[in-house]
C-alpha atoms as a PDB file:
ATOM      1  CA  MET A   1      87.835 134.709 105.090  1.00  0.00           C
ATOM      2  CA  LYS A   2      91.269 135.354 103.626  1.00  0.00           C
ATOM      3  CA  LYS A   3      91.211 135.238  99.852  1.00  0.00           C
ATOM      4  CA  THR A   4      93.573 133.063  97.840  1.00  0.00           C
ATOM      5  CA  ARG A   5      95.904 135.404  95.930  1.00  0.00           C
ATOM      6  CA  VAL A   6      96.711 134.373  92.365  1.00  0.00           C
ATOM      7  CA  LEU A   7      99.480 135.380  89.965  1.00  0.00           C
ATOM      8  CA  ILE A   8      98.543 134.938  86.276  1.00  0.00           C
ATOM      9  CA  ILE A   9     101.387 134.346  83.808  1.00  0.00           C
ATOM     10  CA  ASP A  10     100.379 134.342  80.124  1.00  0.00           C
ATOM     11  CA  ASP A  11     101.716 136.185  77.099  1.00  0.00           C
ATOM     12  CA  SER A  12      98.215 136.860  75.724  1.00  0.00           C
ATOM     13  CA  ALA A  13      96.610 140.035  77.075  1.00  0.00           C
ATOM     14  CA  VAL A  14      93.144 138.679  76.183  1.00  0.00           C
ATOM     15  CA  VAL A  15      93.739 135.480  78.139  1.00  0.00           C
ATOM     16  CA  ARG A  16      95.096 137.431  81.121  1.00  0.00           C
ATOM     17  CA  GLN A  17      92.001 139.624  81.128  1.00  0.00           C
ATOM     18  CA  THR A  18      89.680 136.612  80.785  1.00  0.00           C
ATOM     19  CA  LEU A  19      91.358 134.712  83.611  1.00  0.00           C
ATOM     20  CA  GLU A  20      91.401 137.809  85.789  1.00  0.00           C
ATOM     21  CA  ALA A  21      87.651 138.280  85.314  1.00  0.00           C
ATOM     22  CA  ILE A  22      86.951 134.587  86.065  1.00  0.00           C
ATOM     23  CA  ILE A  23      89.120 134.502  89.184  1.00  0.00           C
ATOM     24  CA  ASN A  24      87.992 137.836  90.649  1.00  0.00           C
ATOM     25  CA  ALA A  25      84.343 136.790  90.219  1.00  0.00           C
ATOM     26  CA  ASP A  26      84.865 134.103  92.874  1.00  0.00           C
ATOM     27  CA  PRO A  27      84.535 135.578  96.397  1.00  0.00           C
ATOM     28  CA  ARG A  28      87.307 133.308  97.713  1.00  0.00           C
ATOM     29  CA  LEU A  29      89.879 134.293  95.095  1.00  0.00           C
ATOM     30  CA  GLU A  30      91.606 137.438  93.912  1.00  0.00           C
ATOM     31  CA  VAL A  31      94.245 138.202  91.314  1.00  0.00           C
ATOM     32  CA  MET A  32      97.387 139.503  92.991  1.00  0.00           C
ATOM     33  CA  ALA A  33      99.047 140.440  89.683  1.00  0.00           C
ATOM     34  CA  THR A  34      99.449 139.419  86.051  1.00  0.00           C
ATOM     35  CA  ALA A  35     102.622 138.975  83.993  1.00  0.00           C
ATOM     36  CA  SER A  36     103.246 138.504  80.299  1.00  0.00           C
ATOM     37  CA  ASP A  37     106.254 136.227  80.777  1.00  0.00           C
ATOM     38  CA  PRO A  38     108.278 134.511  83.531  1.00  0.00           C
ATOM     39  CA  TYR A  39     110.804 137.362  83.796  1.00  0.00           C
ATOM     40  CA  PHE A  40     108.112 139.878  84.712  1.00  0.00           C
ATOM     41  CA  ALA A  41     106.576 137.247  87.002  1.00  0.00           C
ATOM     42  CA  ALA A  42     109.878 136.730  88.838  1.00  0.00           C
ATOM     43  CA  ASN A  43     110.050 140.446  89.630  1.00  0.00           C
ATOM     44  CA  LYS A  44     106.547 140.355  91.080  1.00  0.00           C
ATOM     45  CA  ILE A  45     107.306 137.220  93.140  1.00  0.00           C
ATOM     46  CA  ARG A  46     110.313 138.952  94.697  1.00  0.00           C
ATOM     47  CA  LYS A  47     107.924 141.584  96.104  1.00  0.00           C
ATOM     48  CA  GLU A  48     105.106 139.224  97.154  1.00  0.00           C
ATOM     49  CA  ILE A  49     104.693 135.444  97.133  1.00  0.00           C
ATOM     50  CA  PRO A  50     101.351 134.411  95.599  1.00  0.00           C
ATOM     51  CA  ASP A  51      99.273 131.557  97.031  1.00  0.00           C
ATOM     52  CA  VAL A  52      98.833 130.028  93.564  1.00  0.00           C
ATOM     53  CA  ILE A  53     100.307 130.680  90.110  1.00  0.00           C
ATOM     54  CA  THR A  54      98.486 130.031  86.834  1.00  0.00           C
ATOM     55  CA  LEU A  55     101.037 129.426  84.108  1.00  0.00           C
ATOM     56  CA  ASP A  56     100.971 129.182  80.326  1.00  0.00           C
ATOM     57  CA  VAL A  57     103.491 126.908  78.598  1.00  0.00           C
ATOM     58  CA  GLU A  58     104.368 128.616  75.313  1.00  0.00           C
ATOM     59  CA  MET A  59     105.674 132.124  76.040  1.00  0.00           C
ATOM     60  CA  PRO A  60     108.442 134.374  74.706  1.00  0.00           C
ATOM     61  CA  ARG A  61     111.869 134.699  76.373  1.00  0.00           C
ATOM     62  CA  MET A  62     111.277 131.706  78.694  1.00  0.00           C
ATOM     63  CA  ASP A  63     108.832 128.833  78.308  1.00  0.00           C
ATOM     64  CA  GLY A  64     106.574 127.789  81.173  1.00  0.00           C
ATOM     65  CA  ILE A  65     108.255 124.416  81.782  1.00  0.00           C
ATOM     66  CA  THR A  66     111.667 126.019  82.286  1.00  0.00           C
ATOM     67  CA  PHE A  67     110.164 128.543  84.691  1.00  0.00           C
ATOM     68  CA  LEU A  68     108.315 125.767  86.545  1.00  0.00           C
ATOM     69  CA  LYS A  69     111.511 123.730  86.999  1.00  0.00           C
ATOM     70  CA  THR A  70     113.334 126.746  88.393  1.00  0.00           C
ATOM     71  CA  LEU A  71     110.474 127.700  90.687  1.00  0.00           C
ATOM     72  CA  MET A  72     109.951 124.203  92.115  1.00  0.00           C
ATOM     73  CA  SER A  73     113.656 123.721  92.791  1.00  0.00           C
ATOM     74  CA  GLN A  74     114.085 127.095  94.526  1.00  0.00           C
ATOM     75  CA  ARG A  75     110.818 128.389  95.995  1.00  0.00           C
ATOM     76  CA  PRO A  76     107.923 125.929  95.518  1.00  0.00           C
ATOM     77  CA  VAL A  77     104.511 127.536  94.973  1.00  0.00           C
ATOM     78  CA  PRO A  78     101.361 125.669  93.850  1.00  0.00           C
ATOM     79  CA  VAL A  79     101.154 125.993  90.063  1.00  0.00           C
ATOM     80  CA  VAL A  80      98.179 125.347  87.789  1.00  0.00           C
ATOM     81  CA  ILE A  81      99.056 125.042  84.102  1.00  0.00           C
ATOM     82  CA  ILE A  82      96.401 126.672  81.910  1.00  0.00           C
ATOM     83  CA  SER A  83      97.322 125.939  78.329  1.00  0.00           C
ATOM     84  CA  SER A  84      95.907 125.049  74.923  1.00  0.00           C
ATOM     85  CA  LEU A  85      96.272 121.279  75.018  1.00  0.00           C
ATOM     86  CA  THR A  86      97.022 120.494  71.394  1.00  0.00           C
ATOM     87  CA  SER A  87      98.284 117.045  70.492  1.00  0.00           C
ATOM     88  CA  LYS A  88     101.800 118.504  70.574  1.00  0.00           C
ATOM     89  CA  GLY A  89     101.275 120.308  73.855  1.00  0.00           C
ATOM     90  CA  THR A  90      99.779 117.353  75.702  1.00  0.00           C
ATOM     91  CA  GLN A  91     103.155 115.706  76.259  1.00  0.00           C
ATOM     92  CA  THR A  92     104.422 119.047  77.533  1.00  0.00           C
ATOM     93  CA  ALA A  93     101.552 119.094  79.997  1.00  0.00           C
ATOM     94  CA  MET A  94     102.595 115.644  81.237  1.00  0.00           C
ATOM     95  CA  GLN A  95     106.094 117.023  81.797  1.00  0.00           C
ATOM     96  CA  ALA A  96     104.608 119.904  83.770  1.00  0.00           C
ATOM     97  CA  LEU A  97     102.947 117.492  86.189  1.00  0.00           C
ATOM     98  CA  GLU A  98     106.195 115.576  86.579  1.00  0.00           C
ATOM     99  CA  PHE A  99     108.032 118.821  87.349  1.00  0.00           C
ATOM    100  CA  GLY A 100     105.602 119.669  90.147  1.00  0.00           C
ATOM    101  CA  ALA A 101     102.531 121.396  88.660  1.00  0.00           C
ATOM    102  CA  VAL A 102      99.452 120.635  90.742  1.00  0.00           C
ATOM    103  CA  GLU A 103      97.037 120.437  87.818  1.00  0.00           C
ATOM    104  CA  VAL A 104      96.633 121.119  84.113  1.00  0.00           C
ATOM    105  CA  LEU A 105      93.599 122.803  82.531  1.00  0.00           C
ATOM    106  CA  ASN A 106      92.498 123.908  79.072  1.00  0.00           C
ATOM    107  CA  LYS A 107      92.498 127.612  78.276  1.00  0.00           C
ATOM    108  CA  PRO A 108      89.021 129.165  78.109  1.00  0.00           C
ATOM    109  CA  GLN A 109      88.006 129.795  74.498  1.00  0.00           C
ATOM    110  CA  LEU A 110      85.992 132.981  74.019  1.00  0.00           C
ATOM    111  CA  GLY A 111      84.136 131.668  70.968  1.00  0.00           C
ATOM    112  CA  ASN A 112      82.471 128.792  72.834  1.00  0.00           C
ATOM    113  CA  THR A 113      78.959 128.616  74.240  1.00  0.00           C
ATOM    114  CA  LYS A 114      77.833 130.247  77.465  1.00  0.00           C
ATOM    115  CA  LYS A 115      77.429 126.813  79.087  1.00  0.00           C
ATOM    116  CA  PHE A 116      80.992 125.839  78.130  1.00  0.00           C
ATOM    117  CA  LEU A 117      82.402 129.080  79.532  1.00  0.00           C
ATOM    118  CA  GLU A 118      80.450 128.633  82.769  1.00  0.00           C
ATOM    119  CA  GLU A 119      81.768 125.079  83.189  1.00  0.00           C
ATOM    120  CA  THR A 120      85.309 126.210  82.349  1.00  0.00           C
ATOM    121  CA  SER A 121      85.077 129.015  84.920  1.00  0.00           C
ATOM    122  CA  ILE A 122      83.940 126.567  87.598  1.00  0.00           C
ATOM    123  CA  LYS A 123      86.819 124.193  86.819  1.00  0.00           C
ATOM    124  CA  ILE A 124      89.419 126.971  86.879  1.00  0.00           C
ATOM    125  CA  CYS A 125      88.249 128.399  90.219  1.00  0.00           C
ATOM    126  CA  ASP A 126      87.829 124.996  91.877  1.00  0.00           C
ATOM    127  CA  THR A 127      91.273 123.903  90.695  1.00  0.00           C
ATOM    128  CA  ILE A 128      92.919 127.072  92.033  1.00  0.00           C
ATOM    129  CA  LYS A 129      91.232 126.522  95.417  1.00  0.00           C
ATOM    130  CA  ALA A 130      92.441 122.925  95.477  1.00  0.00           C
ATOM    131  CA  ALA A 131      95.952 124.018  94.515  1.00  0.00           C
ATOM    132  CA  SER A 132      96.034 126.515  97.381  1.00  0.00           C
ATOM    133  CA  MET A 133      95.682 123.569  99.794  1.00  0.00           C
ATOM    134  CA  ALA A 134      98.146 121.297  98.019  1.00  0.00           C
ATOM    135  CA  HIS A 135     101.331 120.092  99.709  1.00  0.00           C
ATOM    136  CA  VAL A 136     103.942 121.132  97.144  1.00  0.00           C
ATOM    137  CA  ARG A 137     107.463 119.841  97.589  1.00  0.00           C
ATOM    138  CA  ARG A 138     110.800 121.141  96.435  1.00  0.00           C
ATOM    139  CA  ILE A 139     112.227 119.230  93.477  1.00  0.00           C
ATOM    140  CA  SER A 140     115.940 118.592  93.831  1.00  0.00           C
ATOM    141  CA  PRO A 141     118.232 119.619  90.970  1.00  0.00           C
ATOM    142  CA  ALA A 142     119.117 115.933  90.489  1.00  0.00           C
ATOM    143  CA  LYS A 143     115.458 114.942  90.092  1.00  0.00           C
ATOM    144  CA  SER A 144     114.839 117.899  87.821  1.00  0.00           C
ATOM    145  CA  LYS A 145     117.713 116.790  85.584  1.00  0.00           C
ATOM    146  CA  ALA A 146     116.474 113.188  85.593  1.00  0.00           C
ATOM    147  CA  LEU A 147     112.956 114.230  84.615  1.00  0.00           C
ATOM    148  CA  ALA A 148     114.267 116.467  81.859  1.00  0.00           C
ATOM    149  CA  SER A 149     116.263 113.608  80.376  1.00  0.00           C
ATOM    150  CA  ALA A 150     113.245 111.274  80.551  1.00  0.00           C
ATOM    151  CA  GLY A 151     111.257 113.135  77.874  1.00  0.00           C
ATOM    152  CA  THR A 152     110.580 116.078  76.380  1.00  0.00           C
ATOM    153  CA  THR A 153      82.914 131.735  88.546  1.00  0.00           C
ATOM    154  CA  PRO A 154      79.346 131.833  87.546  1.00  0.00           C
ATOM    155  CA  VAL A 155      76.958 129.824  89.739  1.00  0.00           C
ATOM    156  CA  ALA A 156      75.843 126.686  87.952  1.00  0.00           C
ATOM    157  CA  ARG A 157      73.225 124.166  88.932  1.00  0.00           C
ATOM    158  CA  LYS A 158      74.690 121.404  91.081  1.00  0.00           C
ATOM    159  CA  TYR A 159      73.922 117.937  89.745  1.00  0.00           C
ATOM    160  CA  SER A 160      74.291 114.652  91.587  1.00  0.00           C
ATOM    161  CA  ALA A 161      74.966 111.271  89.988  1.00  0.00           C
ATOM    162  CA  ASP A 162      71.168 110.978  89.509  1.00  0.00           C
ATOM    163  CA  ALA A 163      71.554 113.202  86.428  1.00  0.00           C
ATOM    164  CA  VAL A 164      73.581 110.467  84.705  1.00  0.00           C
ATOM    165  CA  ILE A 165      72.577 107.196  86.391  1.00  0.00           C
ATOM    166  CA  LYS A 166      69.556 106.562  88.606  1.00  0.00           C
ATOM    167  CA  ASN A 167      70.081 105.019  92.024  1.00  0.00           C
ATOM    168  CA  THR A 168      68.298 101.724  91.490  1.00  0.00           C
ATOM    169  CA  PRO A 169      70.061  99.127  93.664  1.00  0.00           C
ATOM    170  CA  ARG A 170      70.135  95.713  92.032  1.00  0.00           C
ATOM    171  CA  ARG A 171      70.061  92.331  93.635  1.00  0.00           C
ATOM    172  CA  SER A 172      73.416  91.371  95.014  1.00  0.00           C
ATOM    173  CA  MET A 173      75.494  89.783  92.272  1.00  0.00           C
ATOM    174  CA  ILE A 174      76.614  86.210  92.633  1.00  0.00           C
ATOM    175  CA  LYS A 175      80.225  86.364  93.680  1.00  0.00           C
ATOM    176  CA  THR A 176      82.686  85.464  90.934  1.00  0.00           C
ATOM    177  CA  THR A 177      86.414  84.959  90.784  1.00  0.00           C
ATOM    178  CA  ASP A 178      86.777  88.106  88.635  1.00  0.00           C
ATOM    179  CA  LYS A 179      86.973  91.361  90.559  1.00  0.00           C
ATOM    180  CA  VAL A 180      86.645  94.898  89.228  1.00  0.00           C
ATOM    181  CA  ILE A 181      88.673  97.704  90.799  1.00  0.00           C
ATOM    182  CA  ALA A 182      87.091 101.174  90.564  1.00  0.00           C
ATOM    183  CA  VAL A 183      89.331 104.159  91.354  1.00  0.00           C
ATOM    184  CA  GLY A 184      88.545 107.853  91.714  1.00  0.00           C
ATOM    185  CA  ALA A 185      91.077 110.690  92.039  1.00  0.00           C
ATOM    186  CA  SER A 186      91.467 114.414  91.447  1.00  0.00           C
ATOM    187  CA  THR A 187      94.161 116.943  92.441  1.00  0.00           C
ATOM    188  CA  GLY A 188      97.422 115.037  92.915  1.00  0.00           C
ATOM    189  CA  GLY A 189      95.867 111.951  91.381  1.00  0.00           C
ATOM    190  CA  THR A 190      98.154 111.697  88.364  1.00  0.00           C
ATOM    191  CA  GLU A 191     101.087 110.809  90.612  1.00  0.00           C
ATOM    192  CA  ALA A 192      98.958 108.753  93.004  1.00  0.00           C
ATOM    193  CA  LEU A 193      97.614 106.638  90.140  1.00  0.00           C
ATOM    194  CA  ARG A 194     101.127 106.066  88.835  1.00  0.00           C
ATOM    195  CA  VAL A 195     102.264 104.756  92.217  1.00  0.00           C
ATOM    196  CA  PHE A 196      99.179 102.547  92.573  1.00  0.00           C
ATOM    197  CA  LEU A 197      99.214 101.105  89.049  1.00  0.00           C
ATOM    198  CA  GLU A 198     102.976 100.475  89.073  1.00  0.00           C
ATOM    199  CA  GLY A 199     102.335  98.305  92.136  1.00  0.00           C
ATOM    200  CA  LEU A 200      99.905  95.988  90.309  1.00  0.00           C
ATOM    201  CA  PRO A 201     101.042  92.731  88.642  1.00  0.00           C
ATOM    202  CA  HIS A 202     100.311  92.037  84.968  1.00  0.00           C
ATOM    203  CA  ASP A 203      97.383  89.760  85.866  1.00  0.00           C
ATOM    204  CA  ALA A 204      95.676  92.133  88.326  1.00  0.00           C
ATOM    205  CA  PRO A 205      91.877  92.434  88.166  1.00  0.00           C
ATOM    206  CA  GLY A 206      90.476  94.866  85.616  1.00  0.00           C
ATOM    207  CA  VAL A 207      90.632  98.514  86.712  1.00  0.00           C
ATOM    208  CA  VAL A 208      88.328 101.407  85.796  1.00  0.00           C
ATOM    209  CA  VAL A 209      89.512 104.907  86.675  1.00  0.00           C
ATOM    210  CA  VAL A 210      88.055 108.399  86.848  1.00  0.00           C
ATOM    211  CA  GLN A 211      90.736 111.060  87.179  1.00  0.00           C
ATOM    212  CA  HIS A 212      89.461 114.632  86.950  1.00  0.00           C
ATOM    213  CA  MET A 213      91.305 115.760  83.842  1.00  0.00           C
ATOM    214  CA  PRO A 214      90.718 117.914  80.740  1.00  0.00           C
ATOM    215  CA  GLU A 215      89.595 116.630  77.363  1.00  0.00           C
ATOM    216  CA  HIS A 216      92.421 115.419  75.079  1.00  0.00           C
ATOM    217  CA  PHE A 217      94.766 114.963  78.052  1.00  0.00           C
ATOM    218  CA  THR A 218      93.638 111.547  79.289  1.00  0.00           C
ATOM    219  CA  LYS A 219      94.925 109.740  76.198  1.00  0.00           C
ATOM    220  CA  SER A 220      98.466 111.026  76.729  1.00  0.00           C
ATOM    221  CA  PHE A 221      98.183 110.293  80.443  1.00  0.00           C
ATOM    222  CA  ALA A 222      97.068 106.711  79.744  1.00  0.00           C
ATOM    223  CA  ASN A 223      99.879 106.191  77.230  1.00  0.00           C
ATOM    224  CA  ARG A 224     102.411 107.479  79.757  1.00  0.00           C
ATOM    225  CA  LEU A 225     101.157 105.050  82.424  1.00  0.00           C
ATOM    226  CA  ASP A 226     101.093 102.205  79.898  1.00  0.00           C
ATOM    227  CA  SER A 227     104.812 102.710  79.301  1.00  0.00           C
ATOM    228  CA  LEU A 228     105.535 102.490  83.050  1.00  0.00           C
ATOM    229  CA  CYS A 229     103.250  99.723  84.328  1.00  0.00           C
ATOM    230  CA  LYS A 230     103.018  95.936  84.029  1.00  0.00           C
ATOM    231  CA  VAL A 231      99.286  96.267  83.370  1.00  0.00           C
ATOM    232  CA  THR A 232      97.994  97.652  80.067  1.00  0.00           C
ATOM    233  CA  VAL A 233      96.592 101.179  80.366  1.00  0.00           C
ATOM    234  CA  LYS A 234      94.390 102.934  77.800  1.00  0.00           C
ATOM    235  CA  GLU A 235      91.899 105.771  77.500  1.00  0.00           C
ATOM    236  CA  ALA A 236      88.467 104.156  77.627  1.00  0.00           C
ATOM    237  CA  GLU A 237      86.265 103.928  74.554  1.00  0.00           C
ATOM    238  CA  ASN A 238      82.567 103.101  74.590  1.00  0.00           C
ATOM    239  CA  ASN A 239      81.938  99.332  75.023  1.00  0.00           C
ATOM    240  CA  ASP A 240      85.563  98.545  75.980  1.00  0.00           C
ATOM    241  CA  THR A 241      85.684  95.271  77.903  1.00  0.00           C
ATOM    242  CA  VAL A 242      87.075  95.258  81.442  1.00  0.00           C
ATOM    243  CA  LEU A 243      89.712  92.522  81.482  1.00  0.00           C
ATOM    244  CA  PRO A 244      92.360  91.250  83.944  1.00  0.00           C
ATOM    245  CA  GLY A 245      95.568  93.179  83.451  1.00  0.00           C
ATOM    246  CA  ARG A 246      93.778  96.093  81.772  1.00  0.00           C
ATOM    247  CA  VAL A 247      93.183  99.633  83.061  1.00  0.00           C
ATOM    248  CA  LEU A 248      90.557 101.876  81.455  1.00  0.00           C
ATOM    249  CA  ILE A 249      90.766 105.616  82.181  1.00  0.00           C
ATOM    250  CA  ALA A 250      87.673 107.750  81.601  1.00  0.00           C
ATOM    251  CA  PRO A 251      88.239 110.251  78.778  1.00  0.00           C
ATOM    252  CA  GLY A 252      88.255 113.892  79.794  1.00  0.00           C
ATOM    253  CA  ASN A 253      84.885 115.642  79.500  1.00  0.00           C
ATOM    254  CA  LYS A 254      82.968 112.316  79.371  1.00  0.00           C
ATOM    255  CA  HIS A 255      81.316 110.290  82.108  1.00  0.00           C
ATOM    256  CA  MET A 256      82.228 106.598  82.351  1.00  0.00           C
ATOM    257  CA  LEU A 257      79.939 103.895  83.751  1.00  0.00           C
ATOM    258  CA  LEU A 258      80.615 100.236  84.451  1.00  0.00           C
ATOM    259  CA  LYS A 259      78.076  97.850  82.892  1.00  0.00           C
ATOM    260  CA  ARG A 260      77.633  94.088  82.799  1.00  0.00           C
ATOM    261  CA  SER A 261      76.290  91.717  80.135  1.00  0.00           C
ATOM    262  CA  GLY A 262      76.271  88.140  81.348  1.00  0.00           C
ATOM    263  CA  ALA A 263      79.768  87.457  82.662  1.00  0.00           C
ATOM    264  CA  ARG A 264      81.271  90.371  80.716  1.00  0.00           C
ATOM    265  CA  TYR A 265      82.014  93.724  82.314  1.00  0.00           C
ATOM    266  CA  TYR A 266      82.338  96.678  79.970  1.00  0.00           C
ATOM    267  CA  VAL A 267      82.239 100.484  80.126  1.00  0.00           C
ATOM    268  CA  GLU A 268      79.797 103.002  78.742  1.00  0.00           C
ATOM    269  CA  VAL A 269      81.259 106.410  77.861  1.00  0.00           C
ATOM    270  CA  LYS A 270      78.648 109.150  77.610  1.00  0.00           C
ATOM    271  CA  ASP A 271      77.869 112.854  77.818  1.00  0.00           C
ATOM    272  CA  GLY A 272      75.929 114.456  80.648  1.00  0.00           C
ATOM    273  CA  PRO A 273      75.947 117.438  82.996  1.00  0.00           C
ATOM    274  CA  LEU A 274      78.736 118.180  85.454  1.00  0.00           C
ATOM    275  CA  VAL A 275      78.226 115.963  88.508  1.00  0.00           C
ATOM    276  CA  ASN A 276      79.727 117.384  91.691  1.00  0.00           C
ATOM    277  CA  ARG A 277      81.168 120.019  89.331  1.00  0.00           C
ATOM    278  CA  HIS A 278      83.037 117.365  87.338  1.00  0.00           C
ATOM    279  CA  ARG A 279      82.801 115.420  84.100  1.00  0.00           C
ATOM    280  CA  PRO A 280      83.919 112.648  84.383  1.00  0.00           C
ATOM    281  CA  SER A 281      82.559 112.149  87.887  1.00  0.00           C
ATOM    282  CA  VAL A 282      83.767 109.594  90.399  1.00  0.00           C
ATOM    283  CA  ASP A 283      80.272 109.287  91.891  1.00  0.00           C
ATOM    284  CA  VAL A 284      78.909 108.230  88.501  1.00  0.00           C
ATOM    285  CA  LEU A 285      81.532 105.507  88.115  1.00  0.00           C
ATOM    286  CA  PHE A 286      81.157 104.287  91.699  1.00  0.00           C
ATOM    287  CA  ARG A 287      77.351 104.148  91.537  1.00  0.00           C
ATOM    288  CA  SER A 288      77.418 102.109  88.337  1.00  0.00           C
ATOM    289  CA  THR A 289      80.035  99.808  89.893  1.00  0.00           C
ATOM    290  CA  ALA A 290      77.831  99.300  92.957  1.00  0.00           C
ATOM    291  CA  GLN A 291      74.876  98.423  90.712  1.00  0.00           C
ATOM    292  CA  TYR A 292      76.577  96.151  88.204  1.00  0.00           C
ATOM    293  CA  ALA A 293      79.497  94.618  90.137  1.00  0.00           C
ATOM    294  CA  GLY A 294      78.392  94.816  93.792  1.00  0.00           C
ATOM    295  CA  ASN A 295      80.430  92.505  95.983  1.00  0.00           C
ATOM    296  CA  ASN A 296      82.657  91.599  93.035  1.00  0.00           C
ATOM    297  CA  SER A 297      84.250  95.049  93.200  1.00  0.00           C
ATOM    298  CA  ILE A 298      86.826  97.052  95.124  1.00  0.00           C
ATOM    299  CA  GLY A 299      86.464 100.828  95.433  1.00  0.00           C
ATOM    300  CA  ILE A 300      89.391 103.205  96.002  1.00  0.00           C
ATOM    301  CA  ILE A 301      89.144 106.952  96.582  1.00  0.00           C
ATOM    302  CA  MET A 302      92.330 108.987  96.317  1.00  0.00           C
ATOM    303  CA  THR A 303      93.673 112.504  96.733  1.00  0.00           C
ATOM    304  CA  GLY A 304      91.518 115.407  95.562  1.00  0.00           C
ATOM    305  CA  MET A 305      89.489 118.411  96.630  1.00  0.00           C
ATOM    306  CA  GLY A 306      85.749 118.270  97.244  1.00  0.00           C
ATOM    307  CA  ALA A 307      83.417 115.350  97.836  1.00  0.00           C
ATOM    308  CA  ASP A 308      83.093 113.675  94.426  1.00  0.00           C
ATOM    309  CA  GLY A 309      83.100 109.915  94.987  1.00  0.00           C
ATOM    310  CA  ALA A 310      82.304 109.927  98.710  1.00  0.00           C
ATOM    311  CA  LYS A 311      78.634 109.016  98.333  1.00  0.00           C
ATOM    312  CA  GLY A 312      79.419 106.636  95.506  1.00  0.00           C
ATOM    313  CA  LEU A 313      81.974 104.807  97.642  1.00  0.00           C
ATOM    314  CA  LEU A 314      79.330 104.401 100.353  1.00  0.00           C
ATOM    315  CA  GLU A 315      76.958 102.931  97.758  1.00  0.00           C
ATOM    316  CA  MET A 316      79.689 100.470  96.778  1.00  0.00           C
ATOM    317  CA  LYS A 317      80.254  99.514 100.410  1.00  0.00           C
ATOM    318  CA  ASN A 318      76.521  99.006 100.949  1.00  0.00           C
ATOM    319  CA  ALA A 319      76.486  96.767  97.861  1.00  0.00           C
ATOM    320  CA  GLY A 320      79.145  94.535  99.417  1.00  0.00           C
ATOM    321  CA  ALA A 321      82.289  95.953  97.825  1.00  0.00           C
ATOM    322  CA  ALA A 322      85.585  96.313  99.688  1.00  0.00           C
ATOM    323  CA  THR A 323      86.422 100.019  99.990  1.00  0.00           C
ATOM    324  CA  ILE A 324      89.687 101.897 100.590  1.00  0.00           C
ATOM    325  CA  ALA A 325      90.532 105.576 101.149  1.00  0.00           C
ATOM    326  CA  GLN A 326      94.001 107.096 100.801  1.00  0.00           C
ATOM    327  CA  ASP A 327      95.263 108.502 104.106  1.00  0.00           C
ATOM    328  CA  GLU A 328      95.847 112.187 104.807  1.00  0.00           C
ATOM    329  CA  LYS A 329      99.636 112.052 104.992  1.00  0.00           C
ATOM    330  CA  SER A 330     100.070 110.659 101.483  1.00  0.00           C
ATOM    331  CA  CYS A 331      97.416 112.899  99.847  1.00  0.00           C
ATOM    332  CA  VAL A 332      98.276 116.089  97.993  1.00  0.00           C
ATOM    333  CA  VAL A 333      94.794 117.340  98.956  1.00  0.00           C
ATOM    334  CA  PHE A 334      92.897 115.440 101.651  1.00  0.00           C
ATOM    335  CA  GLY A 335      89.410 116.309 100.447  1.00  0.00           C
ATOM    336  CA  MET A 336      87.635 113.450  98.674  1.00  0.00           C
ATOM    337  CA  PRO A 337      89.027 110.716 100.969  1.00  0.00           C
ATOM    338  CA  LYS A 338      88.180 112.823 104.031  1.00  0.00           C
ATOM    339  CA  GLU A 339      84.542 113.174 102.928  1.00  0.00           C
ATOM    340  CA  ALA A 340      84.308 109.432 102.281  1.00  0.00           C
ATOM    341  CA  ILE A 341      85.759 108.669 105.722  1.00  0.00           C
ATOM    342  CA  LYS A 342      83.204 111.017 107.307  1.00  0.00           C
ATOM    343  CA  LEU A 343      80.424 108.945 105.718  1.00  0.00           C
ATOM    344  CA  ASP A 344      82.018 105.716 107.018  1.00  0.00           C
ATOM    345  CA  ALA A 345      82.307 104.662 103.380  1.00  0.00           C
ATOM    346  CA  ALA A 346      85.872 103.300 103.654  1.00  0.00           C
ATOM    347  CA  ASP A 347      86.626  99.893 105.166  1.00  0.00           C
ATOM    348  CA  LYS A 348      90.293 100.825 105.323  1.00  0.00           C
ATOM    349  CA  VAL A 349      92.300 104.060 105.347  1.00  0.00           C
ATOM    350  CA  MET A 350      95.901 103.552 104.301  1.00  0.00           C
ATOM    351  CA  PRO A 351      99.025 105.127 102.775  1.00  0.00           C
ATOM    352  CA  LEU A 352      99.163 105.289  99.003  1.00  0.00           C
ATOM    353  CA  GLU A 353     102.141 102.953  98.714  1.00  0.00           C
ATOM    354  CA  LYS A 354     100.259 100.127 100.482  1.00  0.00           C
ATOM    355  CA  ILE A 355      97.014 100.231  98.510  1.00  0.00           C
ATOM    356  CA  ALA A 356      98.120  98.026  95.588  1.00  0.00           C
ATOM    357  CA  ALA A 357      99.232  95.211  97.911  1.00  0.00           C
ATOM    358  CA  GLN A 358      95.968  95.487  99.863  1.00  0.00           C
ATOM    359  CA  VAL A 359      93.937  95.274  96.657  1.00  0.00           C
ATOM    360  CA  MET A 360      95.780  92.153  95.522  1.00  0.00           C
ATOM    361  CA  SER A 361      95.286  90.605  98.960  1.00  0.00           C
ATOM    362  CA  ILE A 362      91.518  91.170  98.680  1.00  0.00           C
ATOM    363  CA  ALA A 363      91.414  89.978  95.080  1.00  0.00           C
END
C-alpha cells in the first residue's frame, strides 16, 4: 500500500520531532520532509508535492494563514492546521478553515498523560488520512480577498457507543408536533454545517450536532455560525434545553447525549472514552436520539472519514426516525455517509444544498 507522504511545517524543532515520530509510527503514513517556516517549505514543495501538509499558524517570516492562502490559490494541497488553540488563536483557526484547510487540531503537549498523548496521536494520524482523501479546491484570488476582509499512532482500545450509553431500546415515543434534528459530521463538516444551518428558517425544529472538533474550538465555531444563520447557534452546556430555532453543538472533547423529561428535550454533556476514535462521537448522539426521541427525530449524517454515526443512524431509523445521508459528490470525504448507506441506514441520499429543504418538508 502506498504511504501518504506528509510535509510538516512548524517553527518548533520539538514539535516537528514529536509530529514526525507520531506520523512515522503509523504504517500508512510517512514524513516526506519537515520545514521550520513557509519559505523553507516552498523550496521543498518545488522538488516534491506532498500528499498532505501539517501547518502551524504562528511562525517567523510568514504566518501560516498567509502561506495557506497562497497555496490554495496556486497549488491546492490538503492542509491540516496543528496549532495551540488559545482563545486568541481560535478565530485564526476559523479563518484557516475558510481559506481551505481541511481540519484543525490541537498541538500535542509533551507534559500531558500517556492516555492523552495516545488519543492525540490517533486523532492526528486519522485526520491526516482523511485529509489525503479530501477533495480540495482552488480558492480564487477574489474569494481569498473577500474572506480576508470578512475577519481577521499507538494502538488504543476501540470503544463502541456502549461505553457511553447502553443500547436499551425504549418503547416508541408518542408522536408530537416537535421534532428534533440530530446531525453528525467530521472532515469537511464545518462548511457542510454552515450550508445546512443557513438553509433553516428561524423557527426550525431544535438541532443537536456532533462535529468532530478539538476542545476550545467548538465555541468559536458556534459563535461564527450564530452570526450567519437565522437560527440561534451555541456550544452546548449540560442540561441545555433543545428548543425550536436553537442549535446545540457538542463541545470538543465531550460526548453529548439527547435526553427527555416529560415533554422537554435536553442534552447531557459528559466525559467518556473515545468512541469510534472520537469524542464527541456521532454514534453516541444518534443512539441517545433513537432512545429518547424515536420517531420524533430526523437523523442526518454528513461528510467525514470513517464509520462514526453509521450504526447510530441505523438505530434511529429502526426507532422510526427519518434519516438522510449526504451524497458523494457534495462530500469532502465520502466516508461516514458511505458506511451508513451500506447499512441501509439512510432513507434518502441527497446533495448537501437540498438537505435543509428536505428536513423542513419532513418537519
